Every structure is written in structure tokens, then in C-alpha cells.
Amino acid sequence: MVNAQSSKEVSTPVAVSPVDLDLASLAVRLMDRTKQDIREIADDEGLSVAQLDLLRRLRHQGPSPMRRLAEEMNCEASNLTGLVDRLETKGLVERRPEPTDRRVKLLALTDEGQAVSQQTWVAVANRCALTKLTAARRALLDELLREALQAPDKPAD
């Protein structure tokens, strides 16, 4: 009989402070609230959350290879193709050949896709609890979140 734990590395629990536990809990609560807002906004636009996420990525990255987008979204290429087909039907994205390698397809926003992406993410920002803070606190939080997202995966001392 094979021990189920033998294939997994058993890690020693790392002690965390009550503040760290509270921060993790607050982050999850904020994510849950934000995800609900995103679902409602996507529904209002007749889009799925995944479609809205794809529009956001394209707005920030510009035209991107479909394979890279599938990797970033942690989905199979066939799933991305379905999302793209539906967005293309709505006139929000278009497939373009990569100028240096015509075998590669780039995905790009249309003008309408750019407008929809902008308007939906403005709606998300307007609902976001963090945007209710004062300008100075938002600037500080922006700096702290950027620092936290760039930090290595191990906890700071």
C-alpha cells in the first residue's frame, strides 16, 4: 500500500503572528467582495468573468500571443479559443498574425473592446472598497501592495 503523503513533501508549520493571520483573512474578504463585484459587472455587460479578465489583460499588455495568454490565465488553449470566439463574435477582440511569425496568432482588442474593457474596469474601481480611502492612504496602500506583490514568496522578518 502506498502512503498518500509519501509523494508530497511535508512542511513544518511556520509560526505566524496574529496580525499576519488577520491580514490574510482581510485579504481573502477583500478578494471575495471584489470577485462578487466583478461577477455582477460582467453579468451586466453580458460577459463571463474570464472574458472580462481577458479584456483587462489585453488592455494592459496590448496584442498578445494566444498561447501566452492561456498560460497566464492558467487555462487550456482550447478554453481560451472558446472565450476568444465569443468575444470576437461580440466585436471586442480580433486575431492577428504575428508579423515575425505568421504561425503565431496575436489577440488584440478592437476599439469597441478597448471601450468595454475601460468602462467595466472603471466600474470595478468605483465599487472597490479600497478606492473609498483618502487619496494619501490610497497612495500608501498602492505602494505597499506593489511592494508585497514583488516580494519573494518567503515571509519577511
C-alpha atoms as a PDB file:
ATOM      1  CA  MET A   1       0.000   0.000   0.000  1.00  0.00           C
ATOM      2  CA  VAL A   2       1.324   3.435  -0.967  1.00  0.00           C
ATOM      3  CA  ASN A   3       1.351   6.133   1.639  1.00  0.00           C
ATOM      4  CA  ALA A   4      -0.557   9.134   0.242  1.00  0.00           C
ATOM      5  CA  GLN A   5       1.813  11.546   1.962  1.00  0.00           C
ATOM      6  CA  SER A   6       4.935   9.933   0.550  1.00  0.00           C
ATOM      7  CA  SER A   7       4.522  11.748  -2.771  1.00  0.00           C
ATOM      8  CA  LYS A   8       4.086  15.107  -1.069  1.00  0.00           C
ATOM      9  CA  GLU A   9       6.719  16.972   0.829  1.00  0.00           C
ATOM     10  CA  VAL A  10       5.605  17.522   4.399  1.00  0.00           C
ATOM     11  CA  SER A  11       6.412  21.035   5.503  1.00  0.00           C
ATOM     12  CA  THR A  12       6.946  22.206   9.019  1.00  0.00           C
ATOM     13  CA  PRO A  13       4.342  24.772  10.035  1.00  0.00           C
ATOM     14  CA  VAL A  14       5.734  28.284  10.246  1.00  0.00           C
ATOM     15  CA  ALA A  15       4.557  30.396  13.154  1.00  0.00           C
ATOM     16  CA  VAL A  16       2.636  33.483  12.091  1.00  0.00           C
ATOM     17  CA  SER A  17       1.628  36.430  14.177  1.00  0.00           C
ATOM     18  CA  PRO A  18      -1.992  37.308  14.905  1.00  0.00           C
ATOM     19  CA  VAL A  19      -1.531  40.370  12.660  1.00  0.00           C
ATOM     20  CA  ASP A  20      -0.404  38.119   9.782  1.00  0.00           C
ATOM     21  CA  LEU A  21      -3.444  35.881  10.267  1.00  0.00           C
ATOM     22  CA  ASP A  22      -5.690  38.932  10.328  1.00  0.00           C
ATOM     23  CA  LEU A  23      -4.073  40.345   7.165  1.00  0.00           C
ATOM     24  CA  ALA A  24      -4.586  37.039   5.351  1.00  0.00           C
ATOM     25  CA  SER A  25      -8.226  36.944   6.427  1.00  0.00           C
ATOM     26  CA  LEU A  26      -8.810  40.555   5.388  1.00  0.00           C
ATOM     27  CA  ALA A  27      -7.157  39.927   2.010  1.00  0.00           C
ATOM     28  CA  VAL A  28      -9.483  36.979   1.385  1.00  0.00           C
ATOM     29  CA  ARG A  29     -12.546  39.009   2.426  1.00  0.00           C
ATOM     30  CA  LEU A  30     -11.494  41.821   0.078  1.00  0.00           C
ATOM     31  CA  MET A  31     -10.905  39.333  -2.754  1.00  0.00           C
ATOM     32  CA  ASP A  32     -14.334  37.771  -2.183  1.00  0.00           C
ATOM     33  CA  ARG A  33     -16.032  41.169  -2.266  1.00  0.00           C
ATOM     34  CA  THR A  34     -14.107  42.233  -5.363  1.00  0.00           C
ATOM     35  CA  LYS A  35     -14.836  38.942  -7.159  1.00  0.00           C
ATOM     36  CA  GLN A  36     -18.555  39.430  -6.473  1.00  0.00           C
ATOM     37  CA  ASP A  37     -18.388  42.975  -7.866  1.00  0.00           C
ATOM     38  CA  ILE A  38     -16.581  41.682 -10.965  1.00  0.00           C
ATOM     39  CA  ARG A  39     -19.200  38.936 -11.463  1.00  0.00           C
ATOM     40  CA  GLU A  40     -22.033  41.476 -11.270  1.00  0.00           C
ATOM     41  CA  ILE A  41     -20.331  43.909 -13.671  1.00  0.00           C
ATOM     42  CA  ALA A  42     -19.518  41.103 -16.116  1.00  0.00           C
ATOM     43  CA  ASP A  43     -23.157  39.938 -15.977  1.00  0.00           C
ATOM     44  CA  ASP A  44     -24.339  43.497 -16.679  1.00  0.00           C
ATOM     45  CA  GLU A  45     -22.144  43.514 -19.819  1.00  0.00           C
ATOM     46  CA  GLY A  46     -23.220  40.031 -20.910  1.00  0.00           C
ATOM     47  CA  LEU A  47     -19.695  38.728 -20.362  1.00  0.00           C
ATOM     48  CA  SER A  48     -18.190  35.982 -18.247  1.00  0.00           C
ATOM     49  CA  VAL A  49     -15.629  36.792 -15.571  1.00  0.00           C
ATOM     50  CA  ALA A  50     -12.984  35.041 -17.705  1.00  0.00           C
ATOM     51  CA  GLN A  51     -13.891  37.181 -20.721  1.00  0.00           C
ATOM     52  CA  LEU A  52     -13.658  40.333 -18.628  1.00  0.00           C
ATOM     53  CA  ASP A  53     -10.281  39.183 -17.297  1.00  0.00           C
ATOM     54  CA  LEU A  54      -9.048  38.592 -20.839  1.00  0.00           C
ATOM     55  CA  LEU A  55     -10.138  42.098 -21.878  1.00  0.00           C
ATOM     56  CA  ARG A  56      -8.267  43.521 -18.874  1.00  0.00           C
ATOM     57  CA  ARG A  57      -5.088  41.641 -19.749  1.00  0.00           C
ATOM     58  CA  LEU A  58      -5.197  42.803 -23.354  1.00  0.00           C
ATOM     59  CA  ARG A  59      -5.807  46.406 -22.297  1.00  0.00           C
ATOM     60  CA  HIS A  60      -2.685  46.341 -20.114  1.00  0.00           C
ATOM     61  CA  GLN A  61      -0.429  44.182 -22.304  1.00  0.00           C
ATOM     62  CA  GLY A  62      -1.546  45.090 -25.778  1.00  0.00           C
ATOM     63  CA  PRO A  63      -1.738  42.456 -28.528  1.00  0.00           C
ATOM     64  CA  SER A  64      -0.521  39.151 -27.092  1.00  0.00           C
ATOM     65  CA  PRO A  65       0.102  35.626 -28.344  1.00  0.00           C
ATOM     66  CA  MET A  66      -2.832  33.395 -27.501  1.00  0.00           C
ATOM     67  CA  ARG A  67      -0.532  30.707 -26.090  1.00  0.00           C
ATOM     68  CA  ARG A  68       0.951  33.172 -23.585  1.00  0.00           C
ATOM     69  CA  LEU A  69      -2.496  34.386 -22.566  1.00  0.00           C
ATOM     70  CA  ALA A  70      -3.627  30.805 -21.948  1.00  0.00           C
ATOM     71  CA  GLU A  71      -0.583  30.241 -19.724  1.00  0.00           C
ATOM     72  CA  GLU A  72      -1.153  33.483 -17.812  1.00  0.00           C
ATOM     73  CA  MET A  73      -4.813  32.631 -17.278  1.00  0.00           C
ATOM     74  CA  ASN A  74      -3.872  29.105 -16.264  1.00  0.00           C
ATOM     75  CA  CYS A  75      -6.217  27.529 -18.784  1.00  0.00           C
ATOM     76  CA  GLU A  76      -6.009  25.190 -21.729  1.00  0.00           C
ATOM     77  CA  ALA A  77      -5.573  26.743 -25.163  1.00  0.00           C
ATOM     78  CA  SER A  78      -8.903  25.189 -26.210  1.00  0.00           C
ATOM     79  CA  ASN A  79     -10.686  27.031 -23.369  1.00  0.00           C
ATOM     80  CA  LEU A  80      -9.105  30.302 -24.435  1.00  0.00           C
ATOM     81  CA  THR A  81     -10.175  29.668 -28.025  1.00  0.00           C
ATOM     82  CA  GLY A  82     -13.787  29.398 -26.863  1.00  0.00           C
ATOM     83  CA  LEU A  83     -13.524  32.646 -24.889  1.00  0.00           C
ATOM     84  CA  VAL A  84     -11.935  34.390 -27.856  1.00  0.00           C
ATOM     85  CA  ASP A  85     -14.567  33.071 -30.282  1.00  0.00           C
ATOM     86  CA  ARG A  86     -17.351  34.567 -28.147  1.00  0.00           C
ATOM     87  CA  LEU A  87     -15.512  37.895 -27.719  1.00  0.00           C
ATOM     88  CA  GLU A  88     -14.767  38.010 -31.438  1.00  0.00           C
ATOM     89  CA  THR A  89     -18.475  37.468 -32.209  1.00  0.00           C
ATOM     90  CA  LYS A  90     -19.250  40.472 -29.993  1.00  0.00           C
ATOM     91  CA  GLY A  91     -16.667  42.529 -31.907  1.00  0.00           C
ATOM     92  CA  LEU A  92     -14.456  43.044 -28.845  1.00  0.00           C
ATOM     93  CA  VAL A  93     -11.278  41.231 -29.945  1.00  0.00           C
ATOM     94  CA  GLU A  94      -9.590  40.202 -33.157  1.00  0.00           C
ATOM     95  CA  ARG A  95      -6.967  37.645 -34.076  1.00  0.00           C
ATOM     96  CA  ARG A  96      -3.961  38.997 -35.943  1.00  0.00           C
ATOM     97  CA  PRO A  97      -0.941  37.256 -37.420  1.00  0.00           C
ATOM     98  CA  GLU A  98       2.352  37.856 -35.601  1.00  0.00           C
ATOM     99  CA  PRO A  99       4.430  39.994 -38.016  1.00  0.00           C
ATOM    100  CA  THR A 100       7.622  37.976 -37.479  1.00  0.00           C
ATOM    101  CA  ASP A 101       5.986  34.513 -37.343  1.00  0.00           C
ATOM    102  CA  ARG A 102       2.696  34.157 -39.190  1.00  0.00           C
ATOM    103  CA  ARG A 103       2.070  30.778 -37.496  1.00  0.00           C
ATOM    104  CA  VAL A 104       1.511  32.648 -34.220  1.00  0.00           C
ATOM    105  CA  LYS A 105      -1.808  34.388 -33.634  1.00  0.00           C
ATOM    106  CA  LEU A 106      -1.916  37.567 -31.615  1.00  0.00           C
ATOM    107  CA  LEU A 107      -5.069  38.564 -29.834  1.00  0.00           C
ATOM    108  CA  ALA A 108      -5.885  42.273 -29.769  1.00  0.00           C
ATOM    109  CA  LEU A 109      -8.693  44.477 -28.578  1.00  0.00           C
ATOM    110  CA  THR A 110     -10.853  46.210 -31.141  1.00  0.00           C
ATOM    111  CA  ASP A 111     -11.800  49.833 -30.500  1.00  0.00           C
ATOM    112  CA  GLU A 112     -15.098  48.567 -29.049  1.00  0.00           C
ATOM    113  CA  GLY A 113     -13.207  46.045 -26.901  1.00  0.00           C
ATOM    114  CA  GLN A 114     -10.960  48.804 -25.597  1.00  0.00           C
ATOM    115  CA  ALA A 115     -14.001  50.887 -24.657  1.00  0.00           C
ATOM    116  CA  VAL A 116     -15.819  47.970 -22.973  1.00  0.00           C
ATOM    117  CA  SER A 117     -12.690  46.971 -21.063  1.00  0.00           C
ATOM    118  CA  GLN A 118     -12.137  50.527 -19.874  1.00  0.00           C
ATOM    119  CA  GLN A 119     -15.753  51.047 -18.817  1.00  0.00           C
ATOM    120  CA  THR A 120     -16.033  47.733 -16.980  1.00  0.00           C
ATOM    121  CA  TRP A 121     -12.811  48.168 -15.034  1.00  0.00           C
ATOM    122  CA  VAL A 122     -13.782  51.745 -14.151  1.00  0.00           C
ATOM    123  CA  ALA A 123     -16.998  50.232 -12.756  1.00  0.00           C
ATOM    124  CA  VAL A 124     -14.942  47.707 -10.755  1.00  0.00           C
ATOM    125  CA  ALA A 125     -12.739  50.516  -9.404  1.00  0.00           C
ATOM    126  CA  ASN A 126     -15.816  52.553  -8.442  1.00  0.00           C
ATOM    127  CA  ARG A 127     -17.124  49.636  -6.373  1.00  0.00           C
ATOM    128  CA  CYS A 128     -13.757  48.730  -4.855  1.00  0.00           C
ATOM    129  CA  ALA A 129     -13.628  49.295  -1.101  1.00  0.00           C
ATOM    130  CA  LEU A 130     -10.026  50.491  -1.395  1.00  0.00           C
ATOM    131  CA  THR A 131     -10.997  53.463  -3.558  1.00  0.00           C
ATOM    132  CA  LYS A 132     -13.075  54.798  -0.676  1.00  0.00           C
ATOM    133  CA  LEU A 133      -9.902  55.640   1.263  1.00  0.00           C
ATOM    134  CA  THR A 134      -8.404  59.123   1.208  1.00  0.00           C
ATOM    135  CA  ALA A 135      -6.010  59.962  -1.610  1.00  0.00           C
ATOM    136  CA  ALA A 136      -2.997  59.824   0.717  1.00  0.00           C
ATOM    137  CA  ARG A 137      -3.979  56.421   2.133  1.00  0.00           C
ATOM    138  CA  ARG A 138      -4.688  55.065  -1.378  1.00  0.00           C
ATOM    139  CA  ALA A 139      -1.221  56.180  -2.492  1.00  0.00           C
ATOM    140  CA  LEU A 140       0.373  54.497   0.528  1.00  0.00           C
ATOM    141  CA  LEU A 141      -1.672  51.327   0.001  1.00  0.00           C
ATOM    142  CA  ASP A 142      -0.724  51.290  -3.686  1.00  0.00           C
ATOM    143  CA  GLU A 143       2.951  51.429  -2.711  1.00  0.00           C
ATOM    144  CA  LEU A 144       2.555  48.713  -0.069  1.00  0.00           C
ATOM    145  CA  LEU A 145       0.610  46.362  -2.339  1.00  0.00           C
ATOM    146  CA  ARG A 146       3.149  46.769  -5.153  1.00  0.00           C
ATOM    147  CA  GLU A 147       5.931  46.013  -2.664  1.00  0.00           C
ATOM    148  CA  ALA A 148       4.090  42.959  -1.332  1.00  0.00           C
ATOM    149  CA  LEU A 149       3.449  41.612  -4.837  1.00  0.00           C
ATOM    150  CA  GLN A 150       7.119  41.978  -5.772  1.00  0.00           C
ATOM    151  CA  ALA A 151       8.383  40.376  -2.565  1.00  0.00           C
ATOM    152  CA  PRO A 152       9.750  36.830  -2.615  1.00  0.00           C
ATOM    153  CA  ASP A 153       7.387  34.081  -1.512  1.00  0.00           C
ATOM    154  CA  LYS A 154       9.043  33.666   1.873  1.00  0.00           C
ATOM    155  CA  PRO A 155       7.749  35.750   4.783  1.00  0.00           C
ATOM    156  CA  ALA A 156       9.585  38.915   5.790  1.00  0.00           C
ATOM    157  CA  ASP A 157      11.157  39.196   9.215  1.00  0.00           C
END
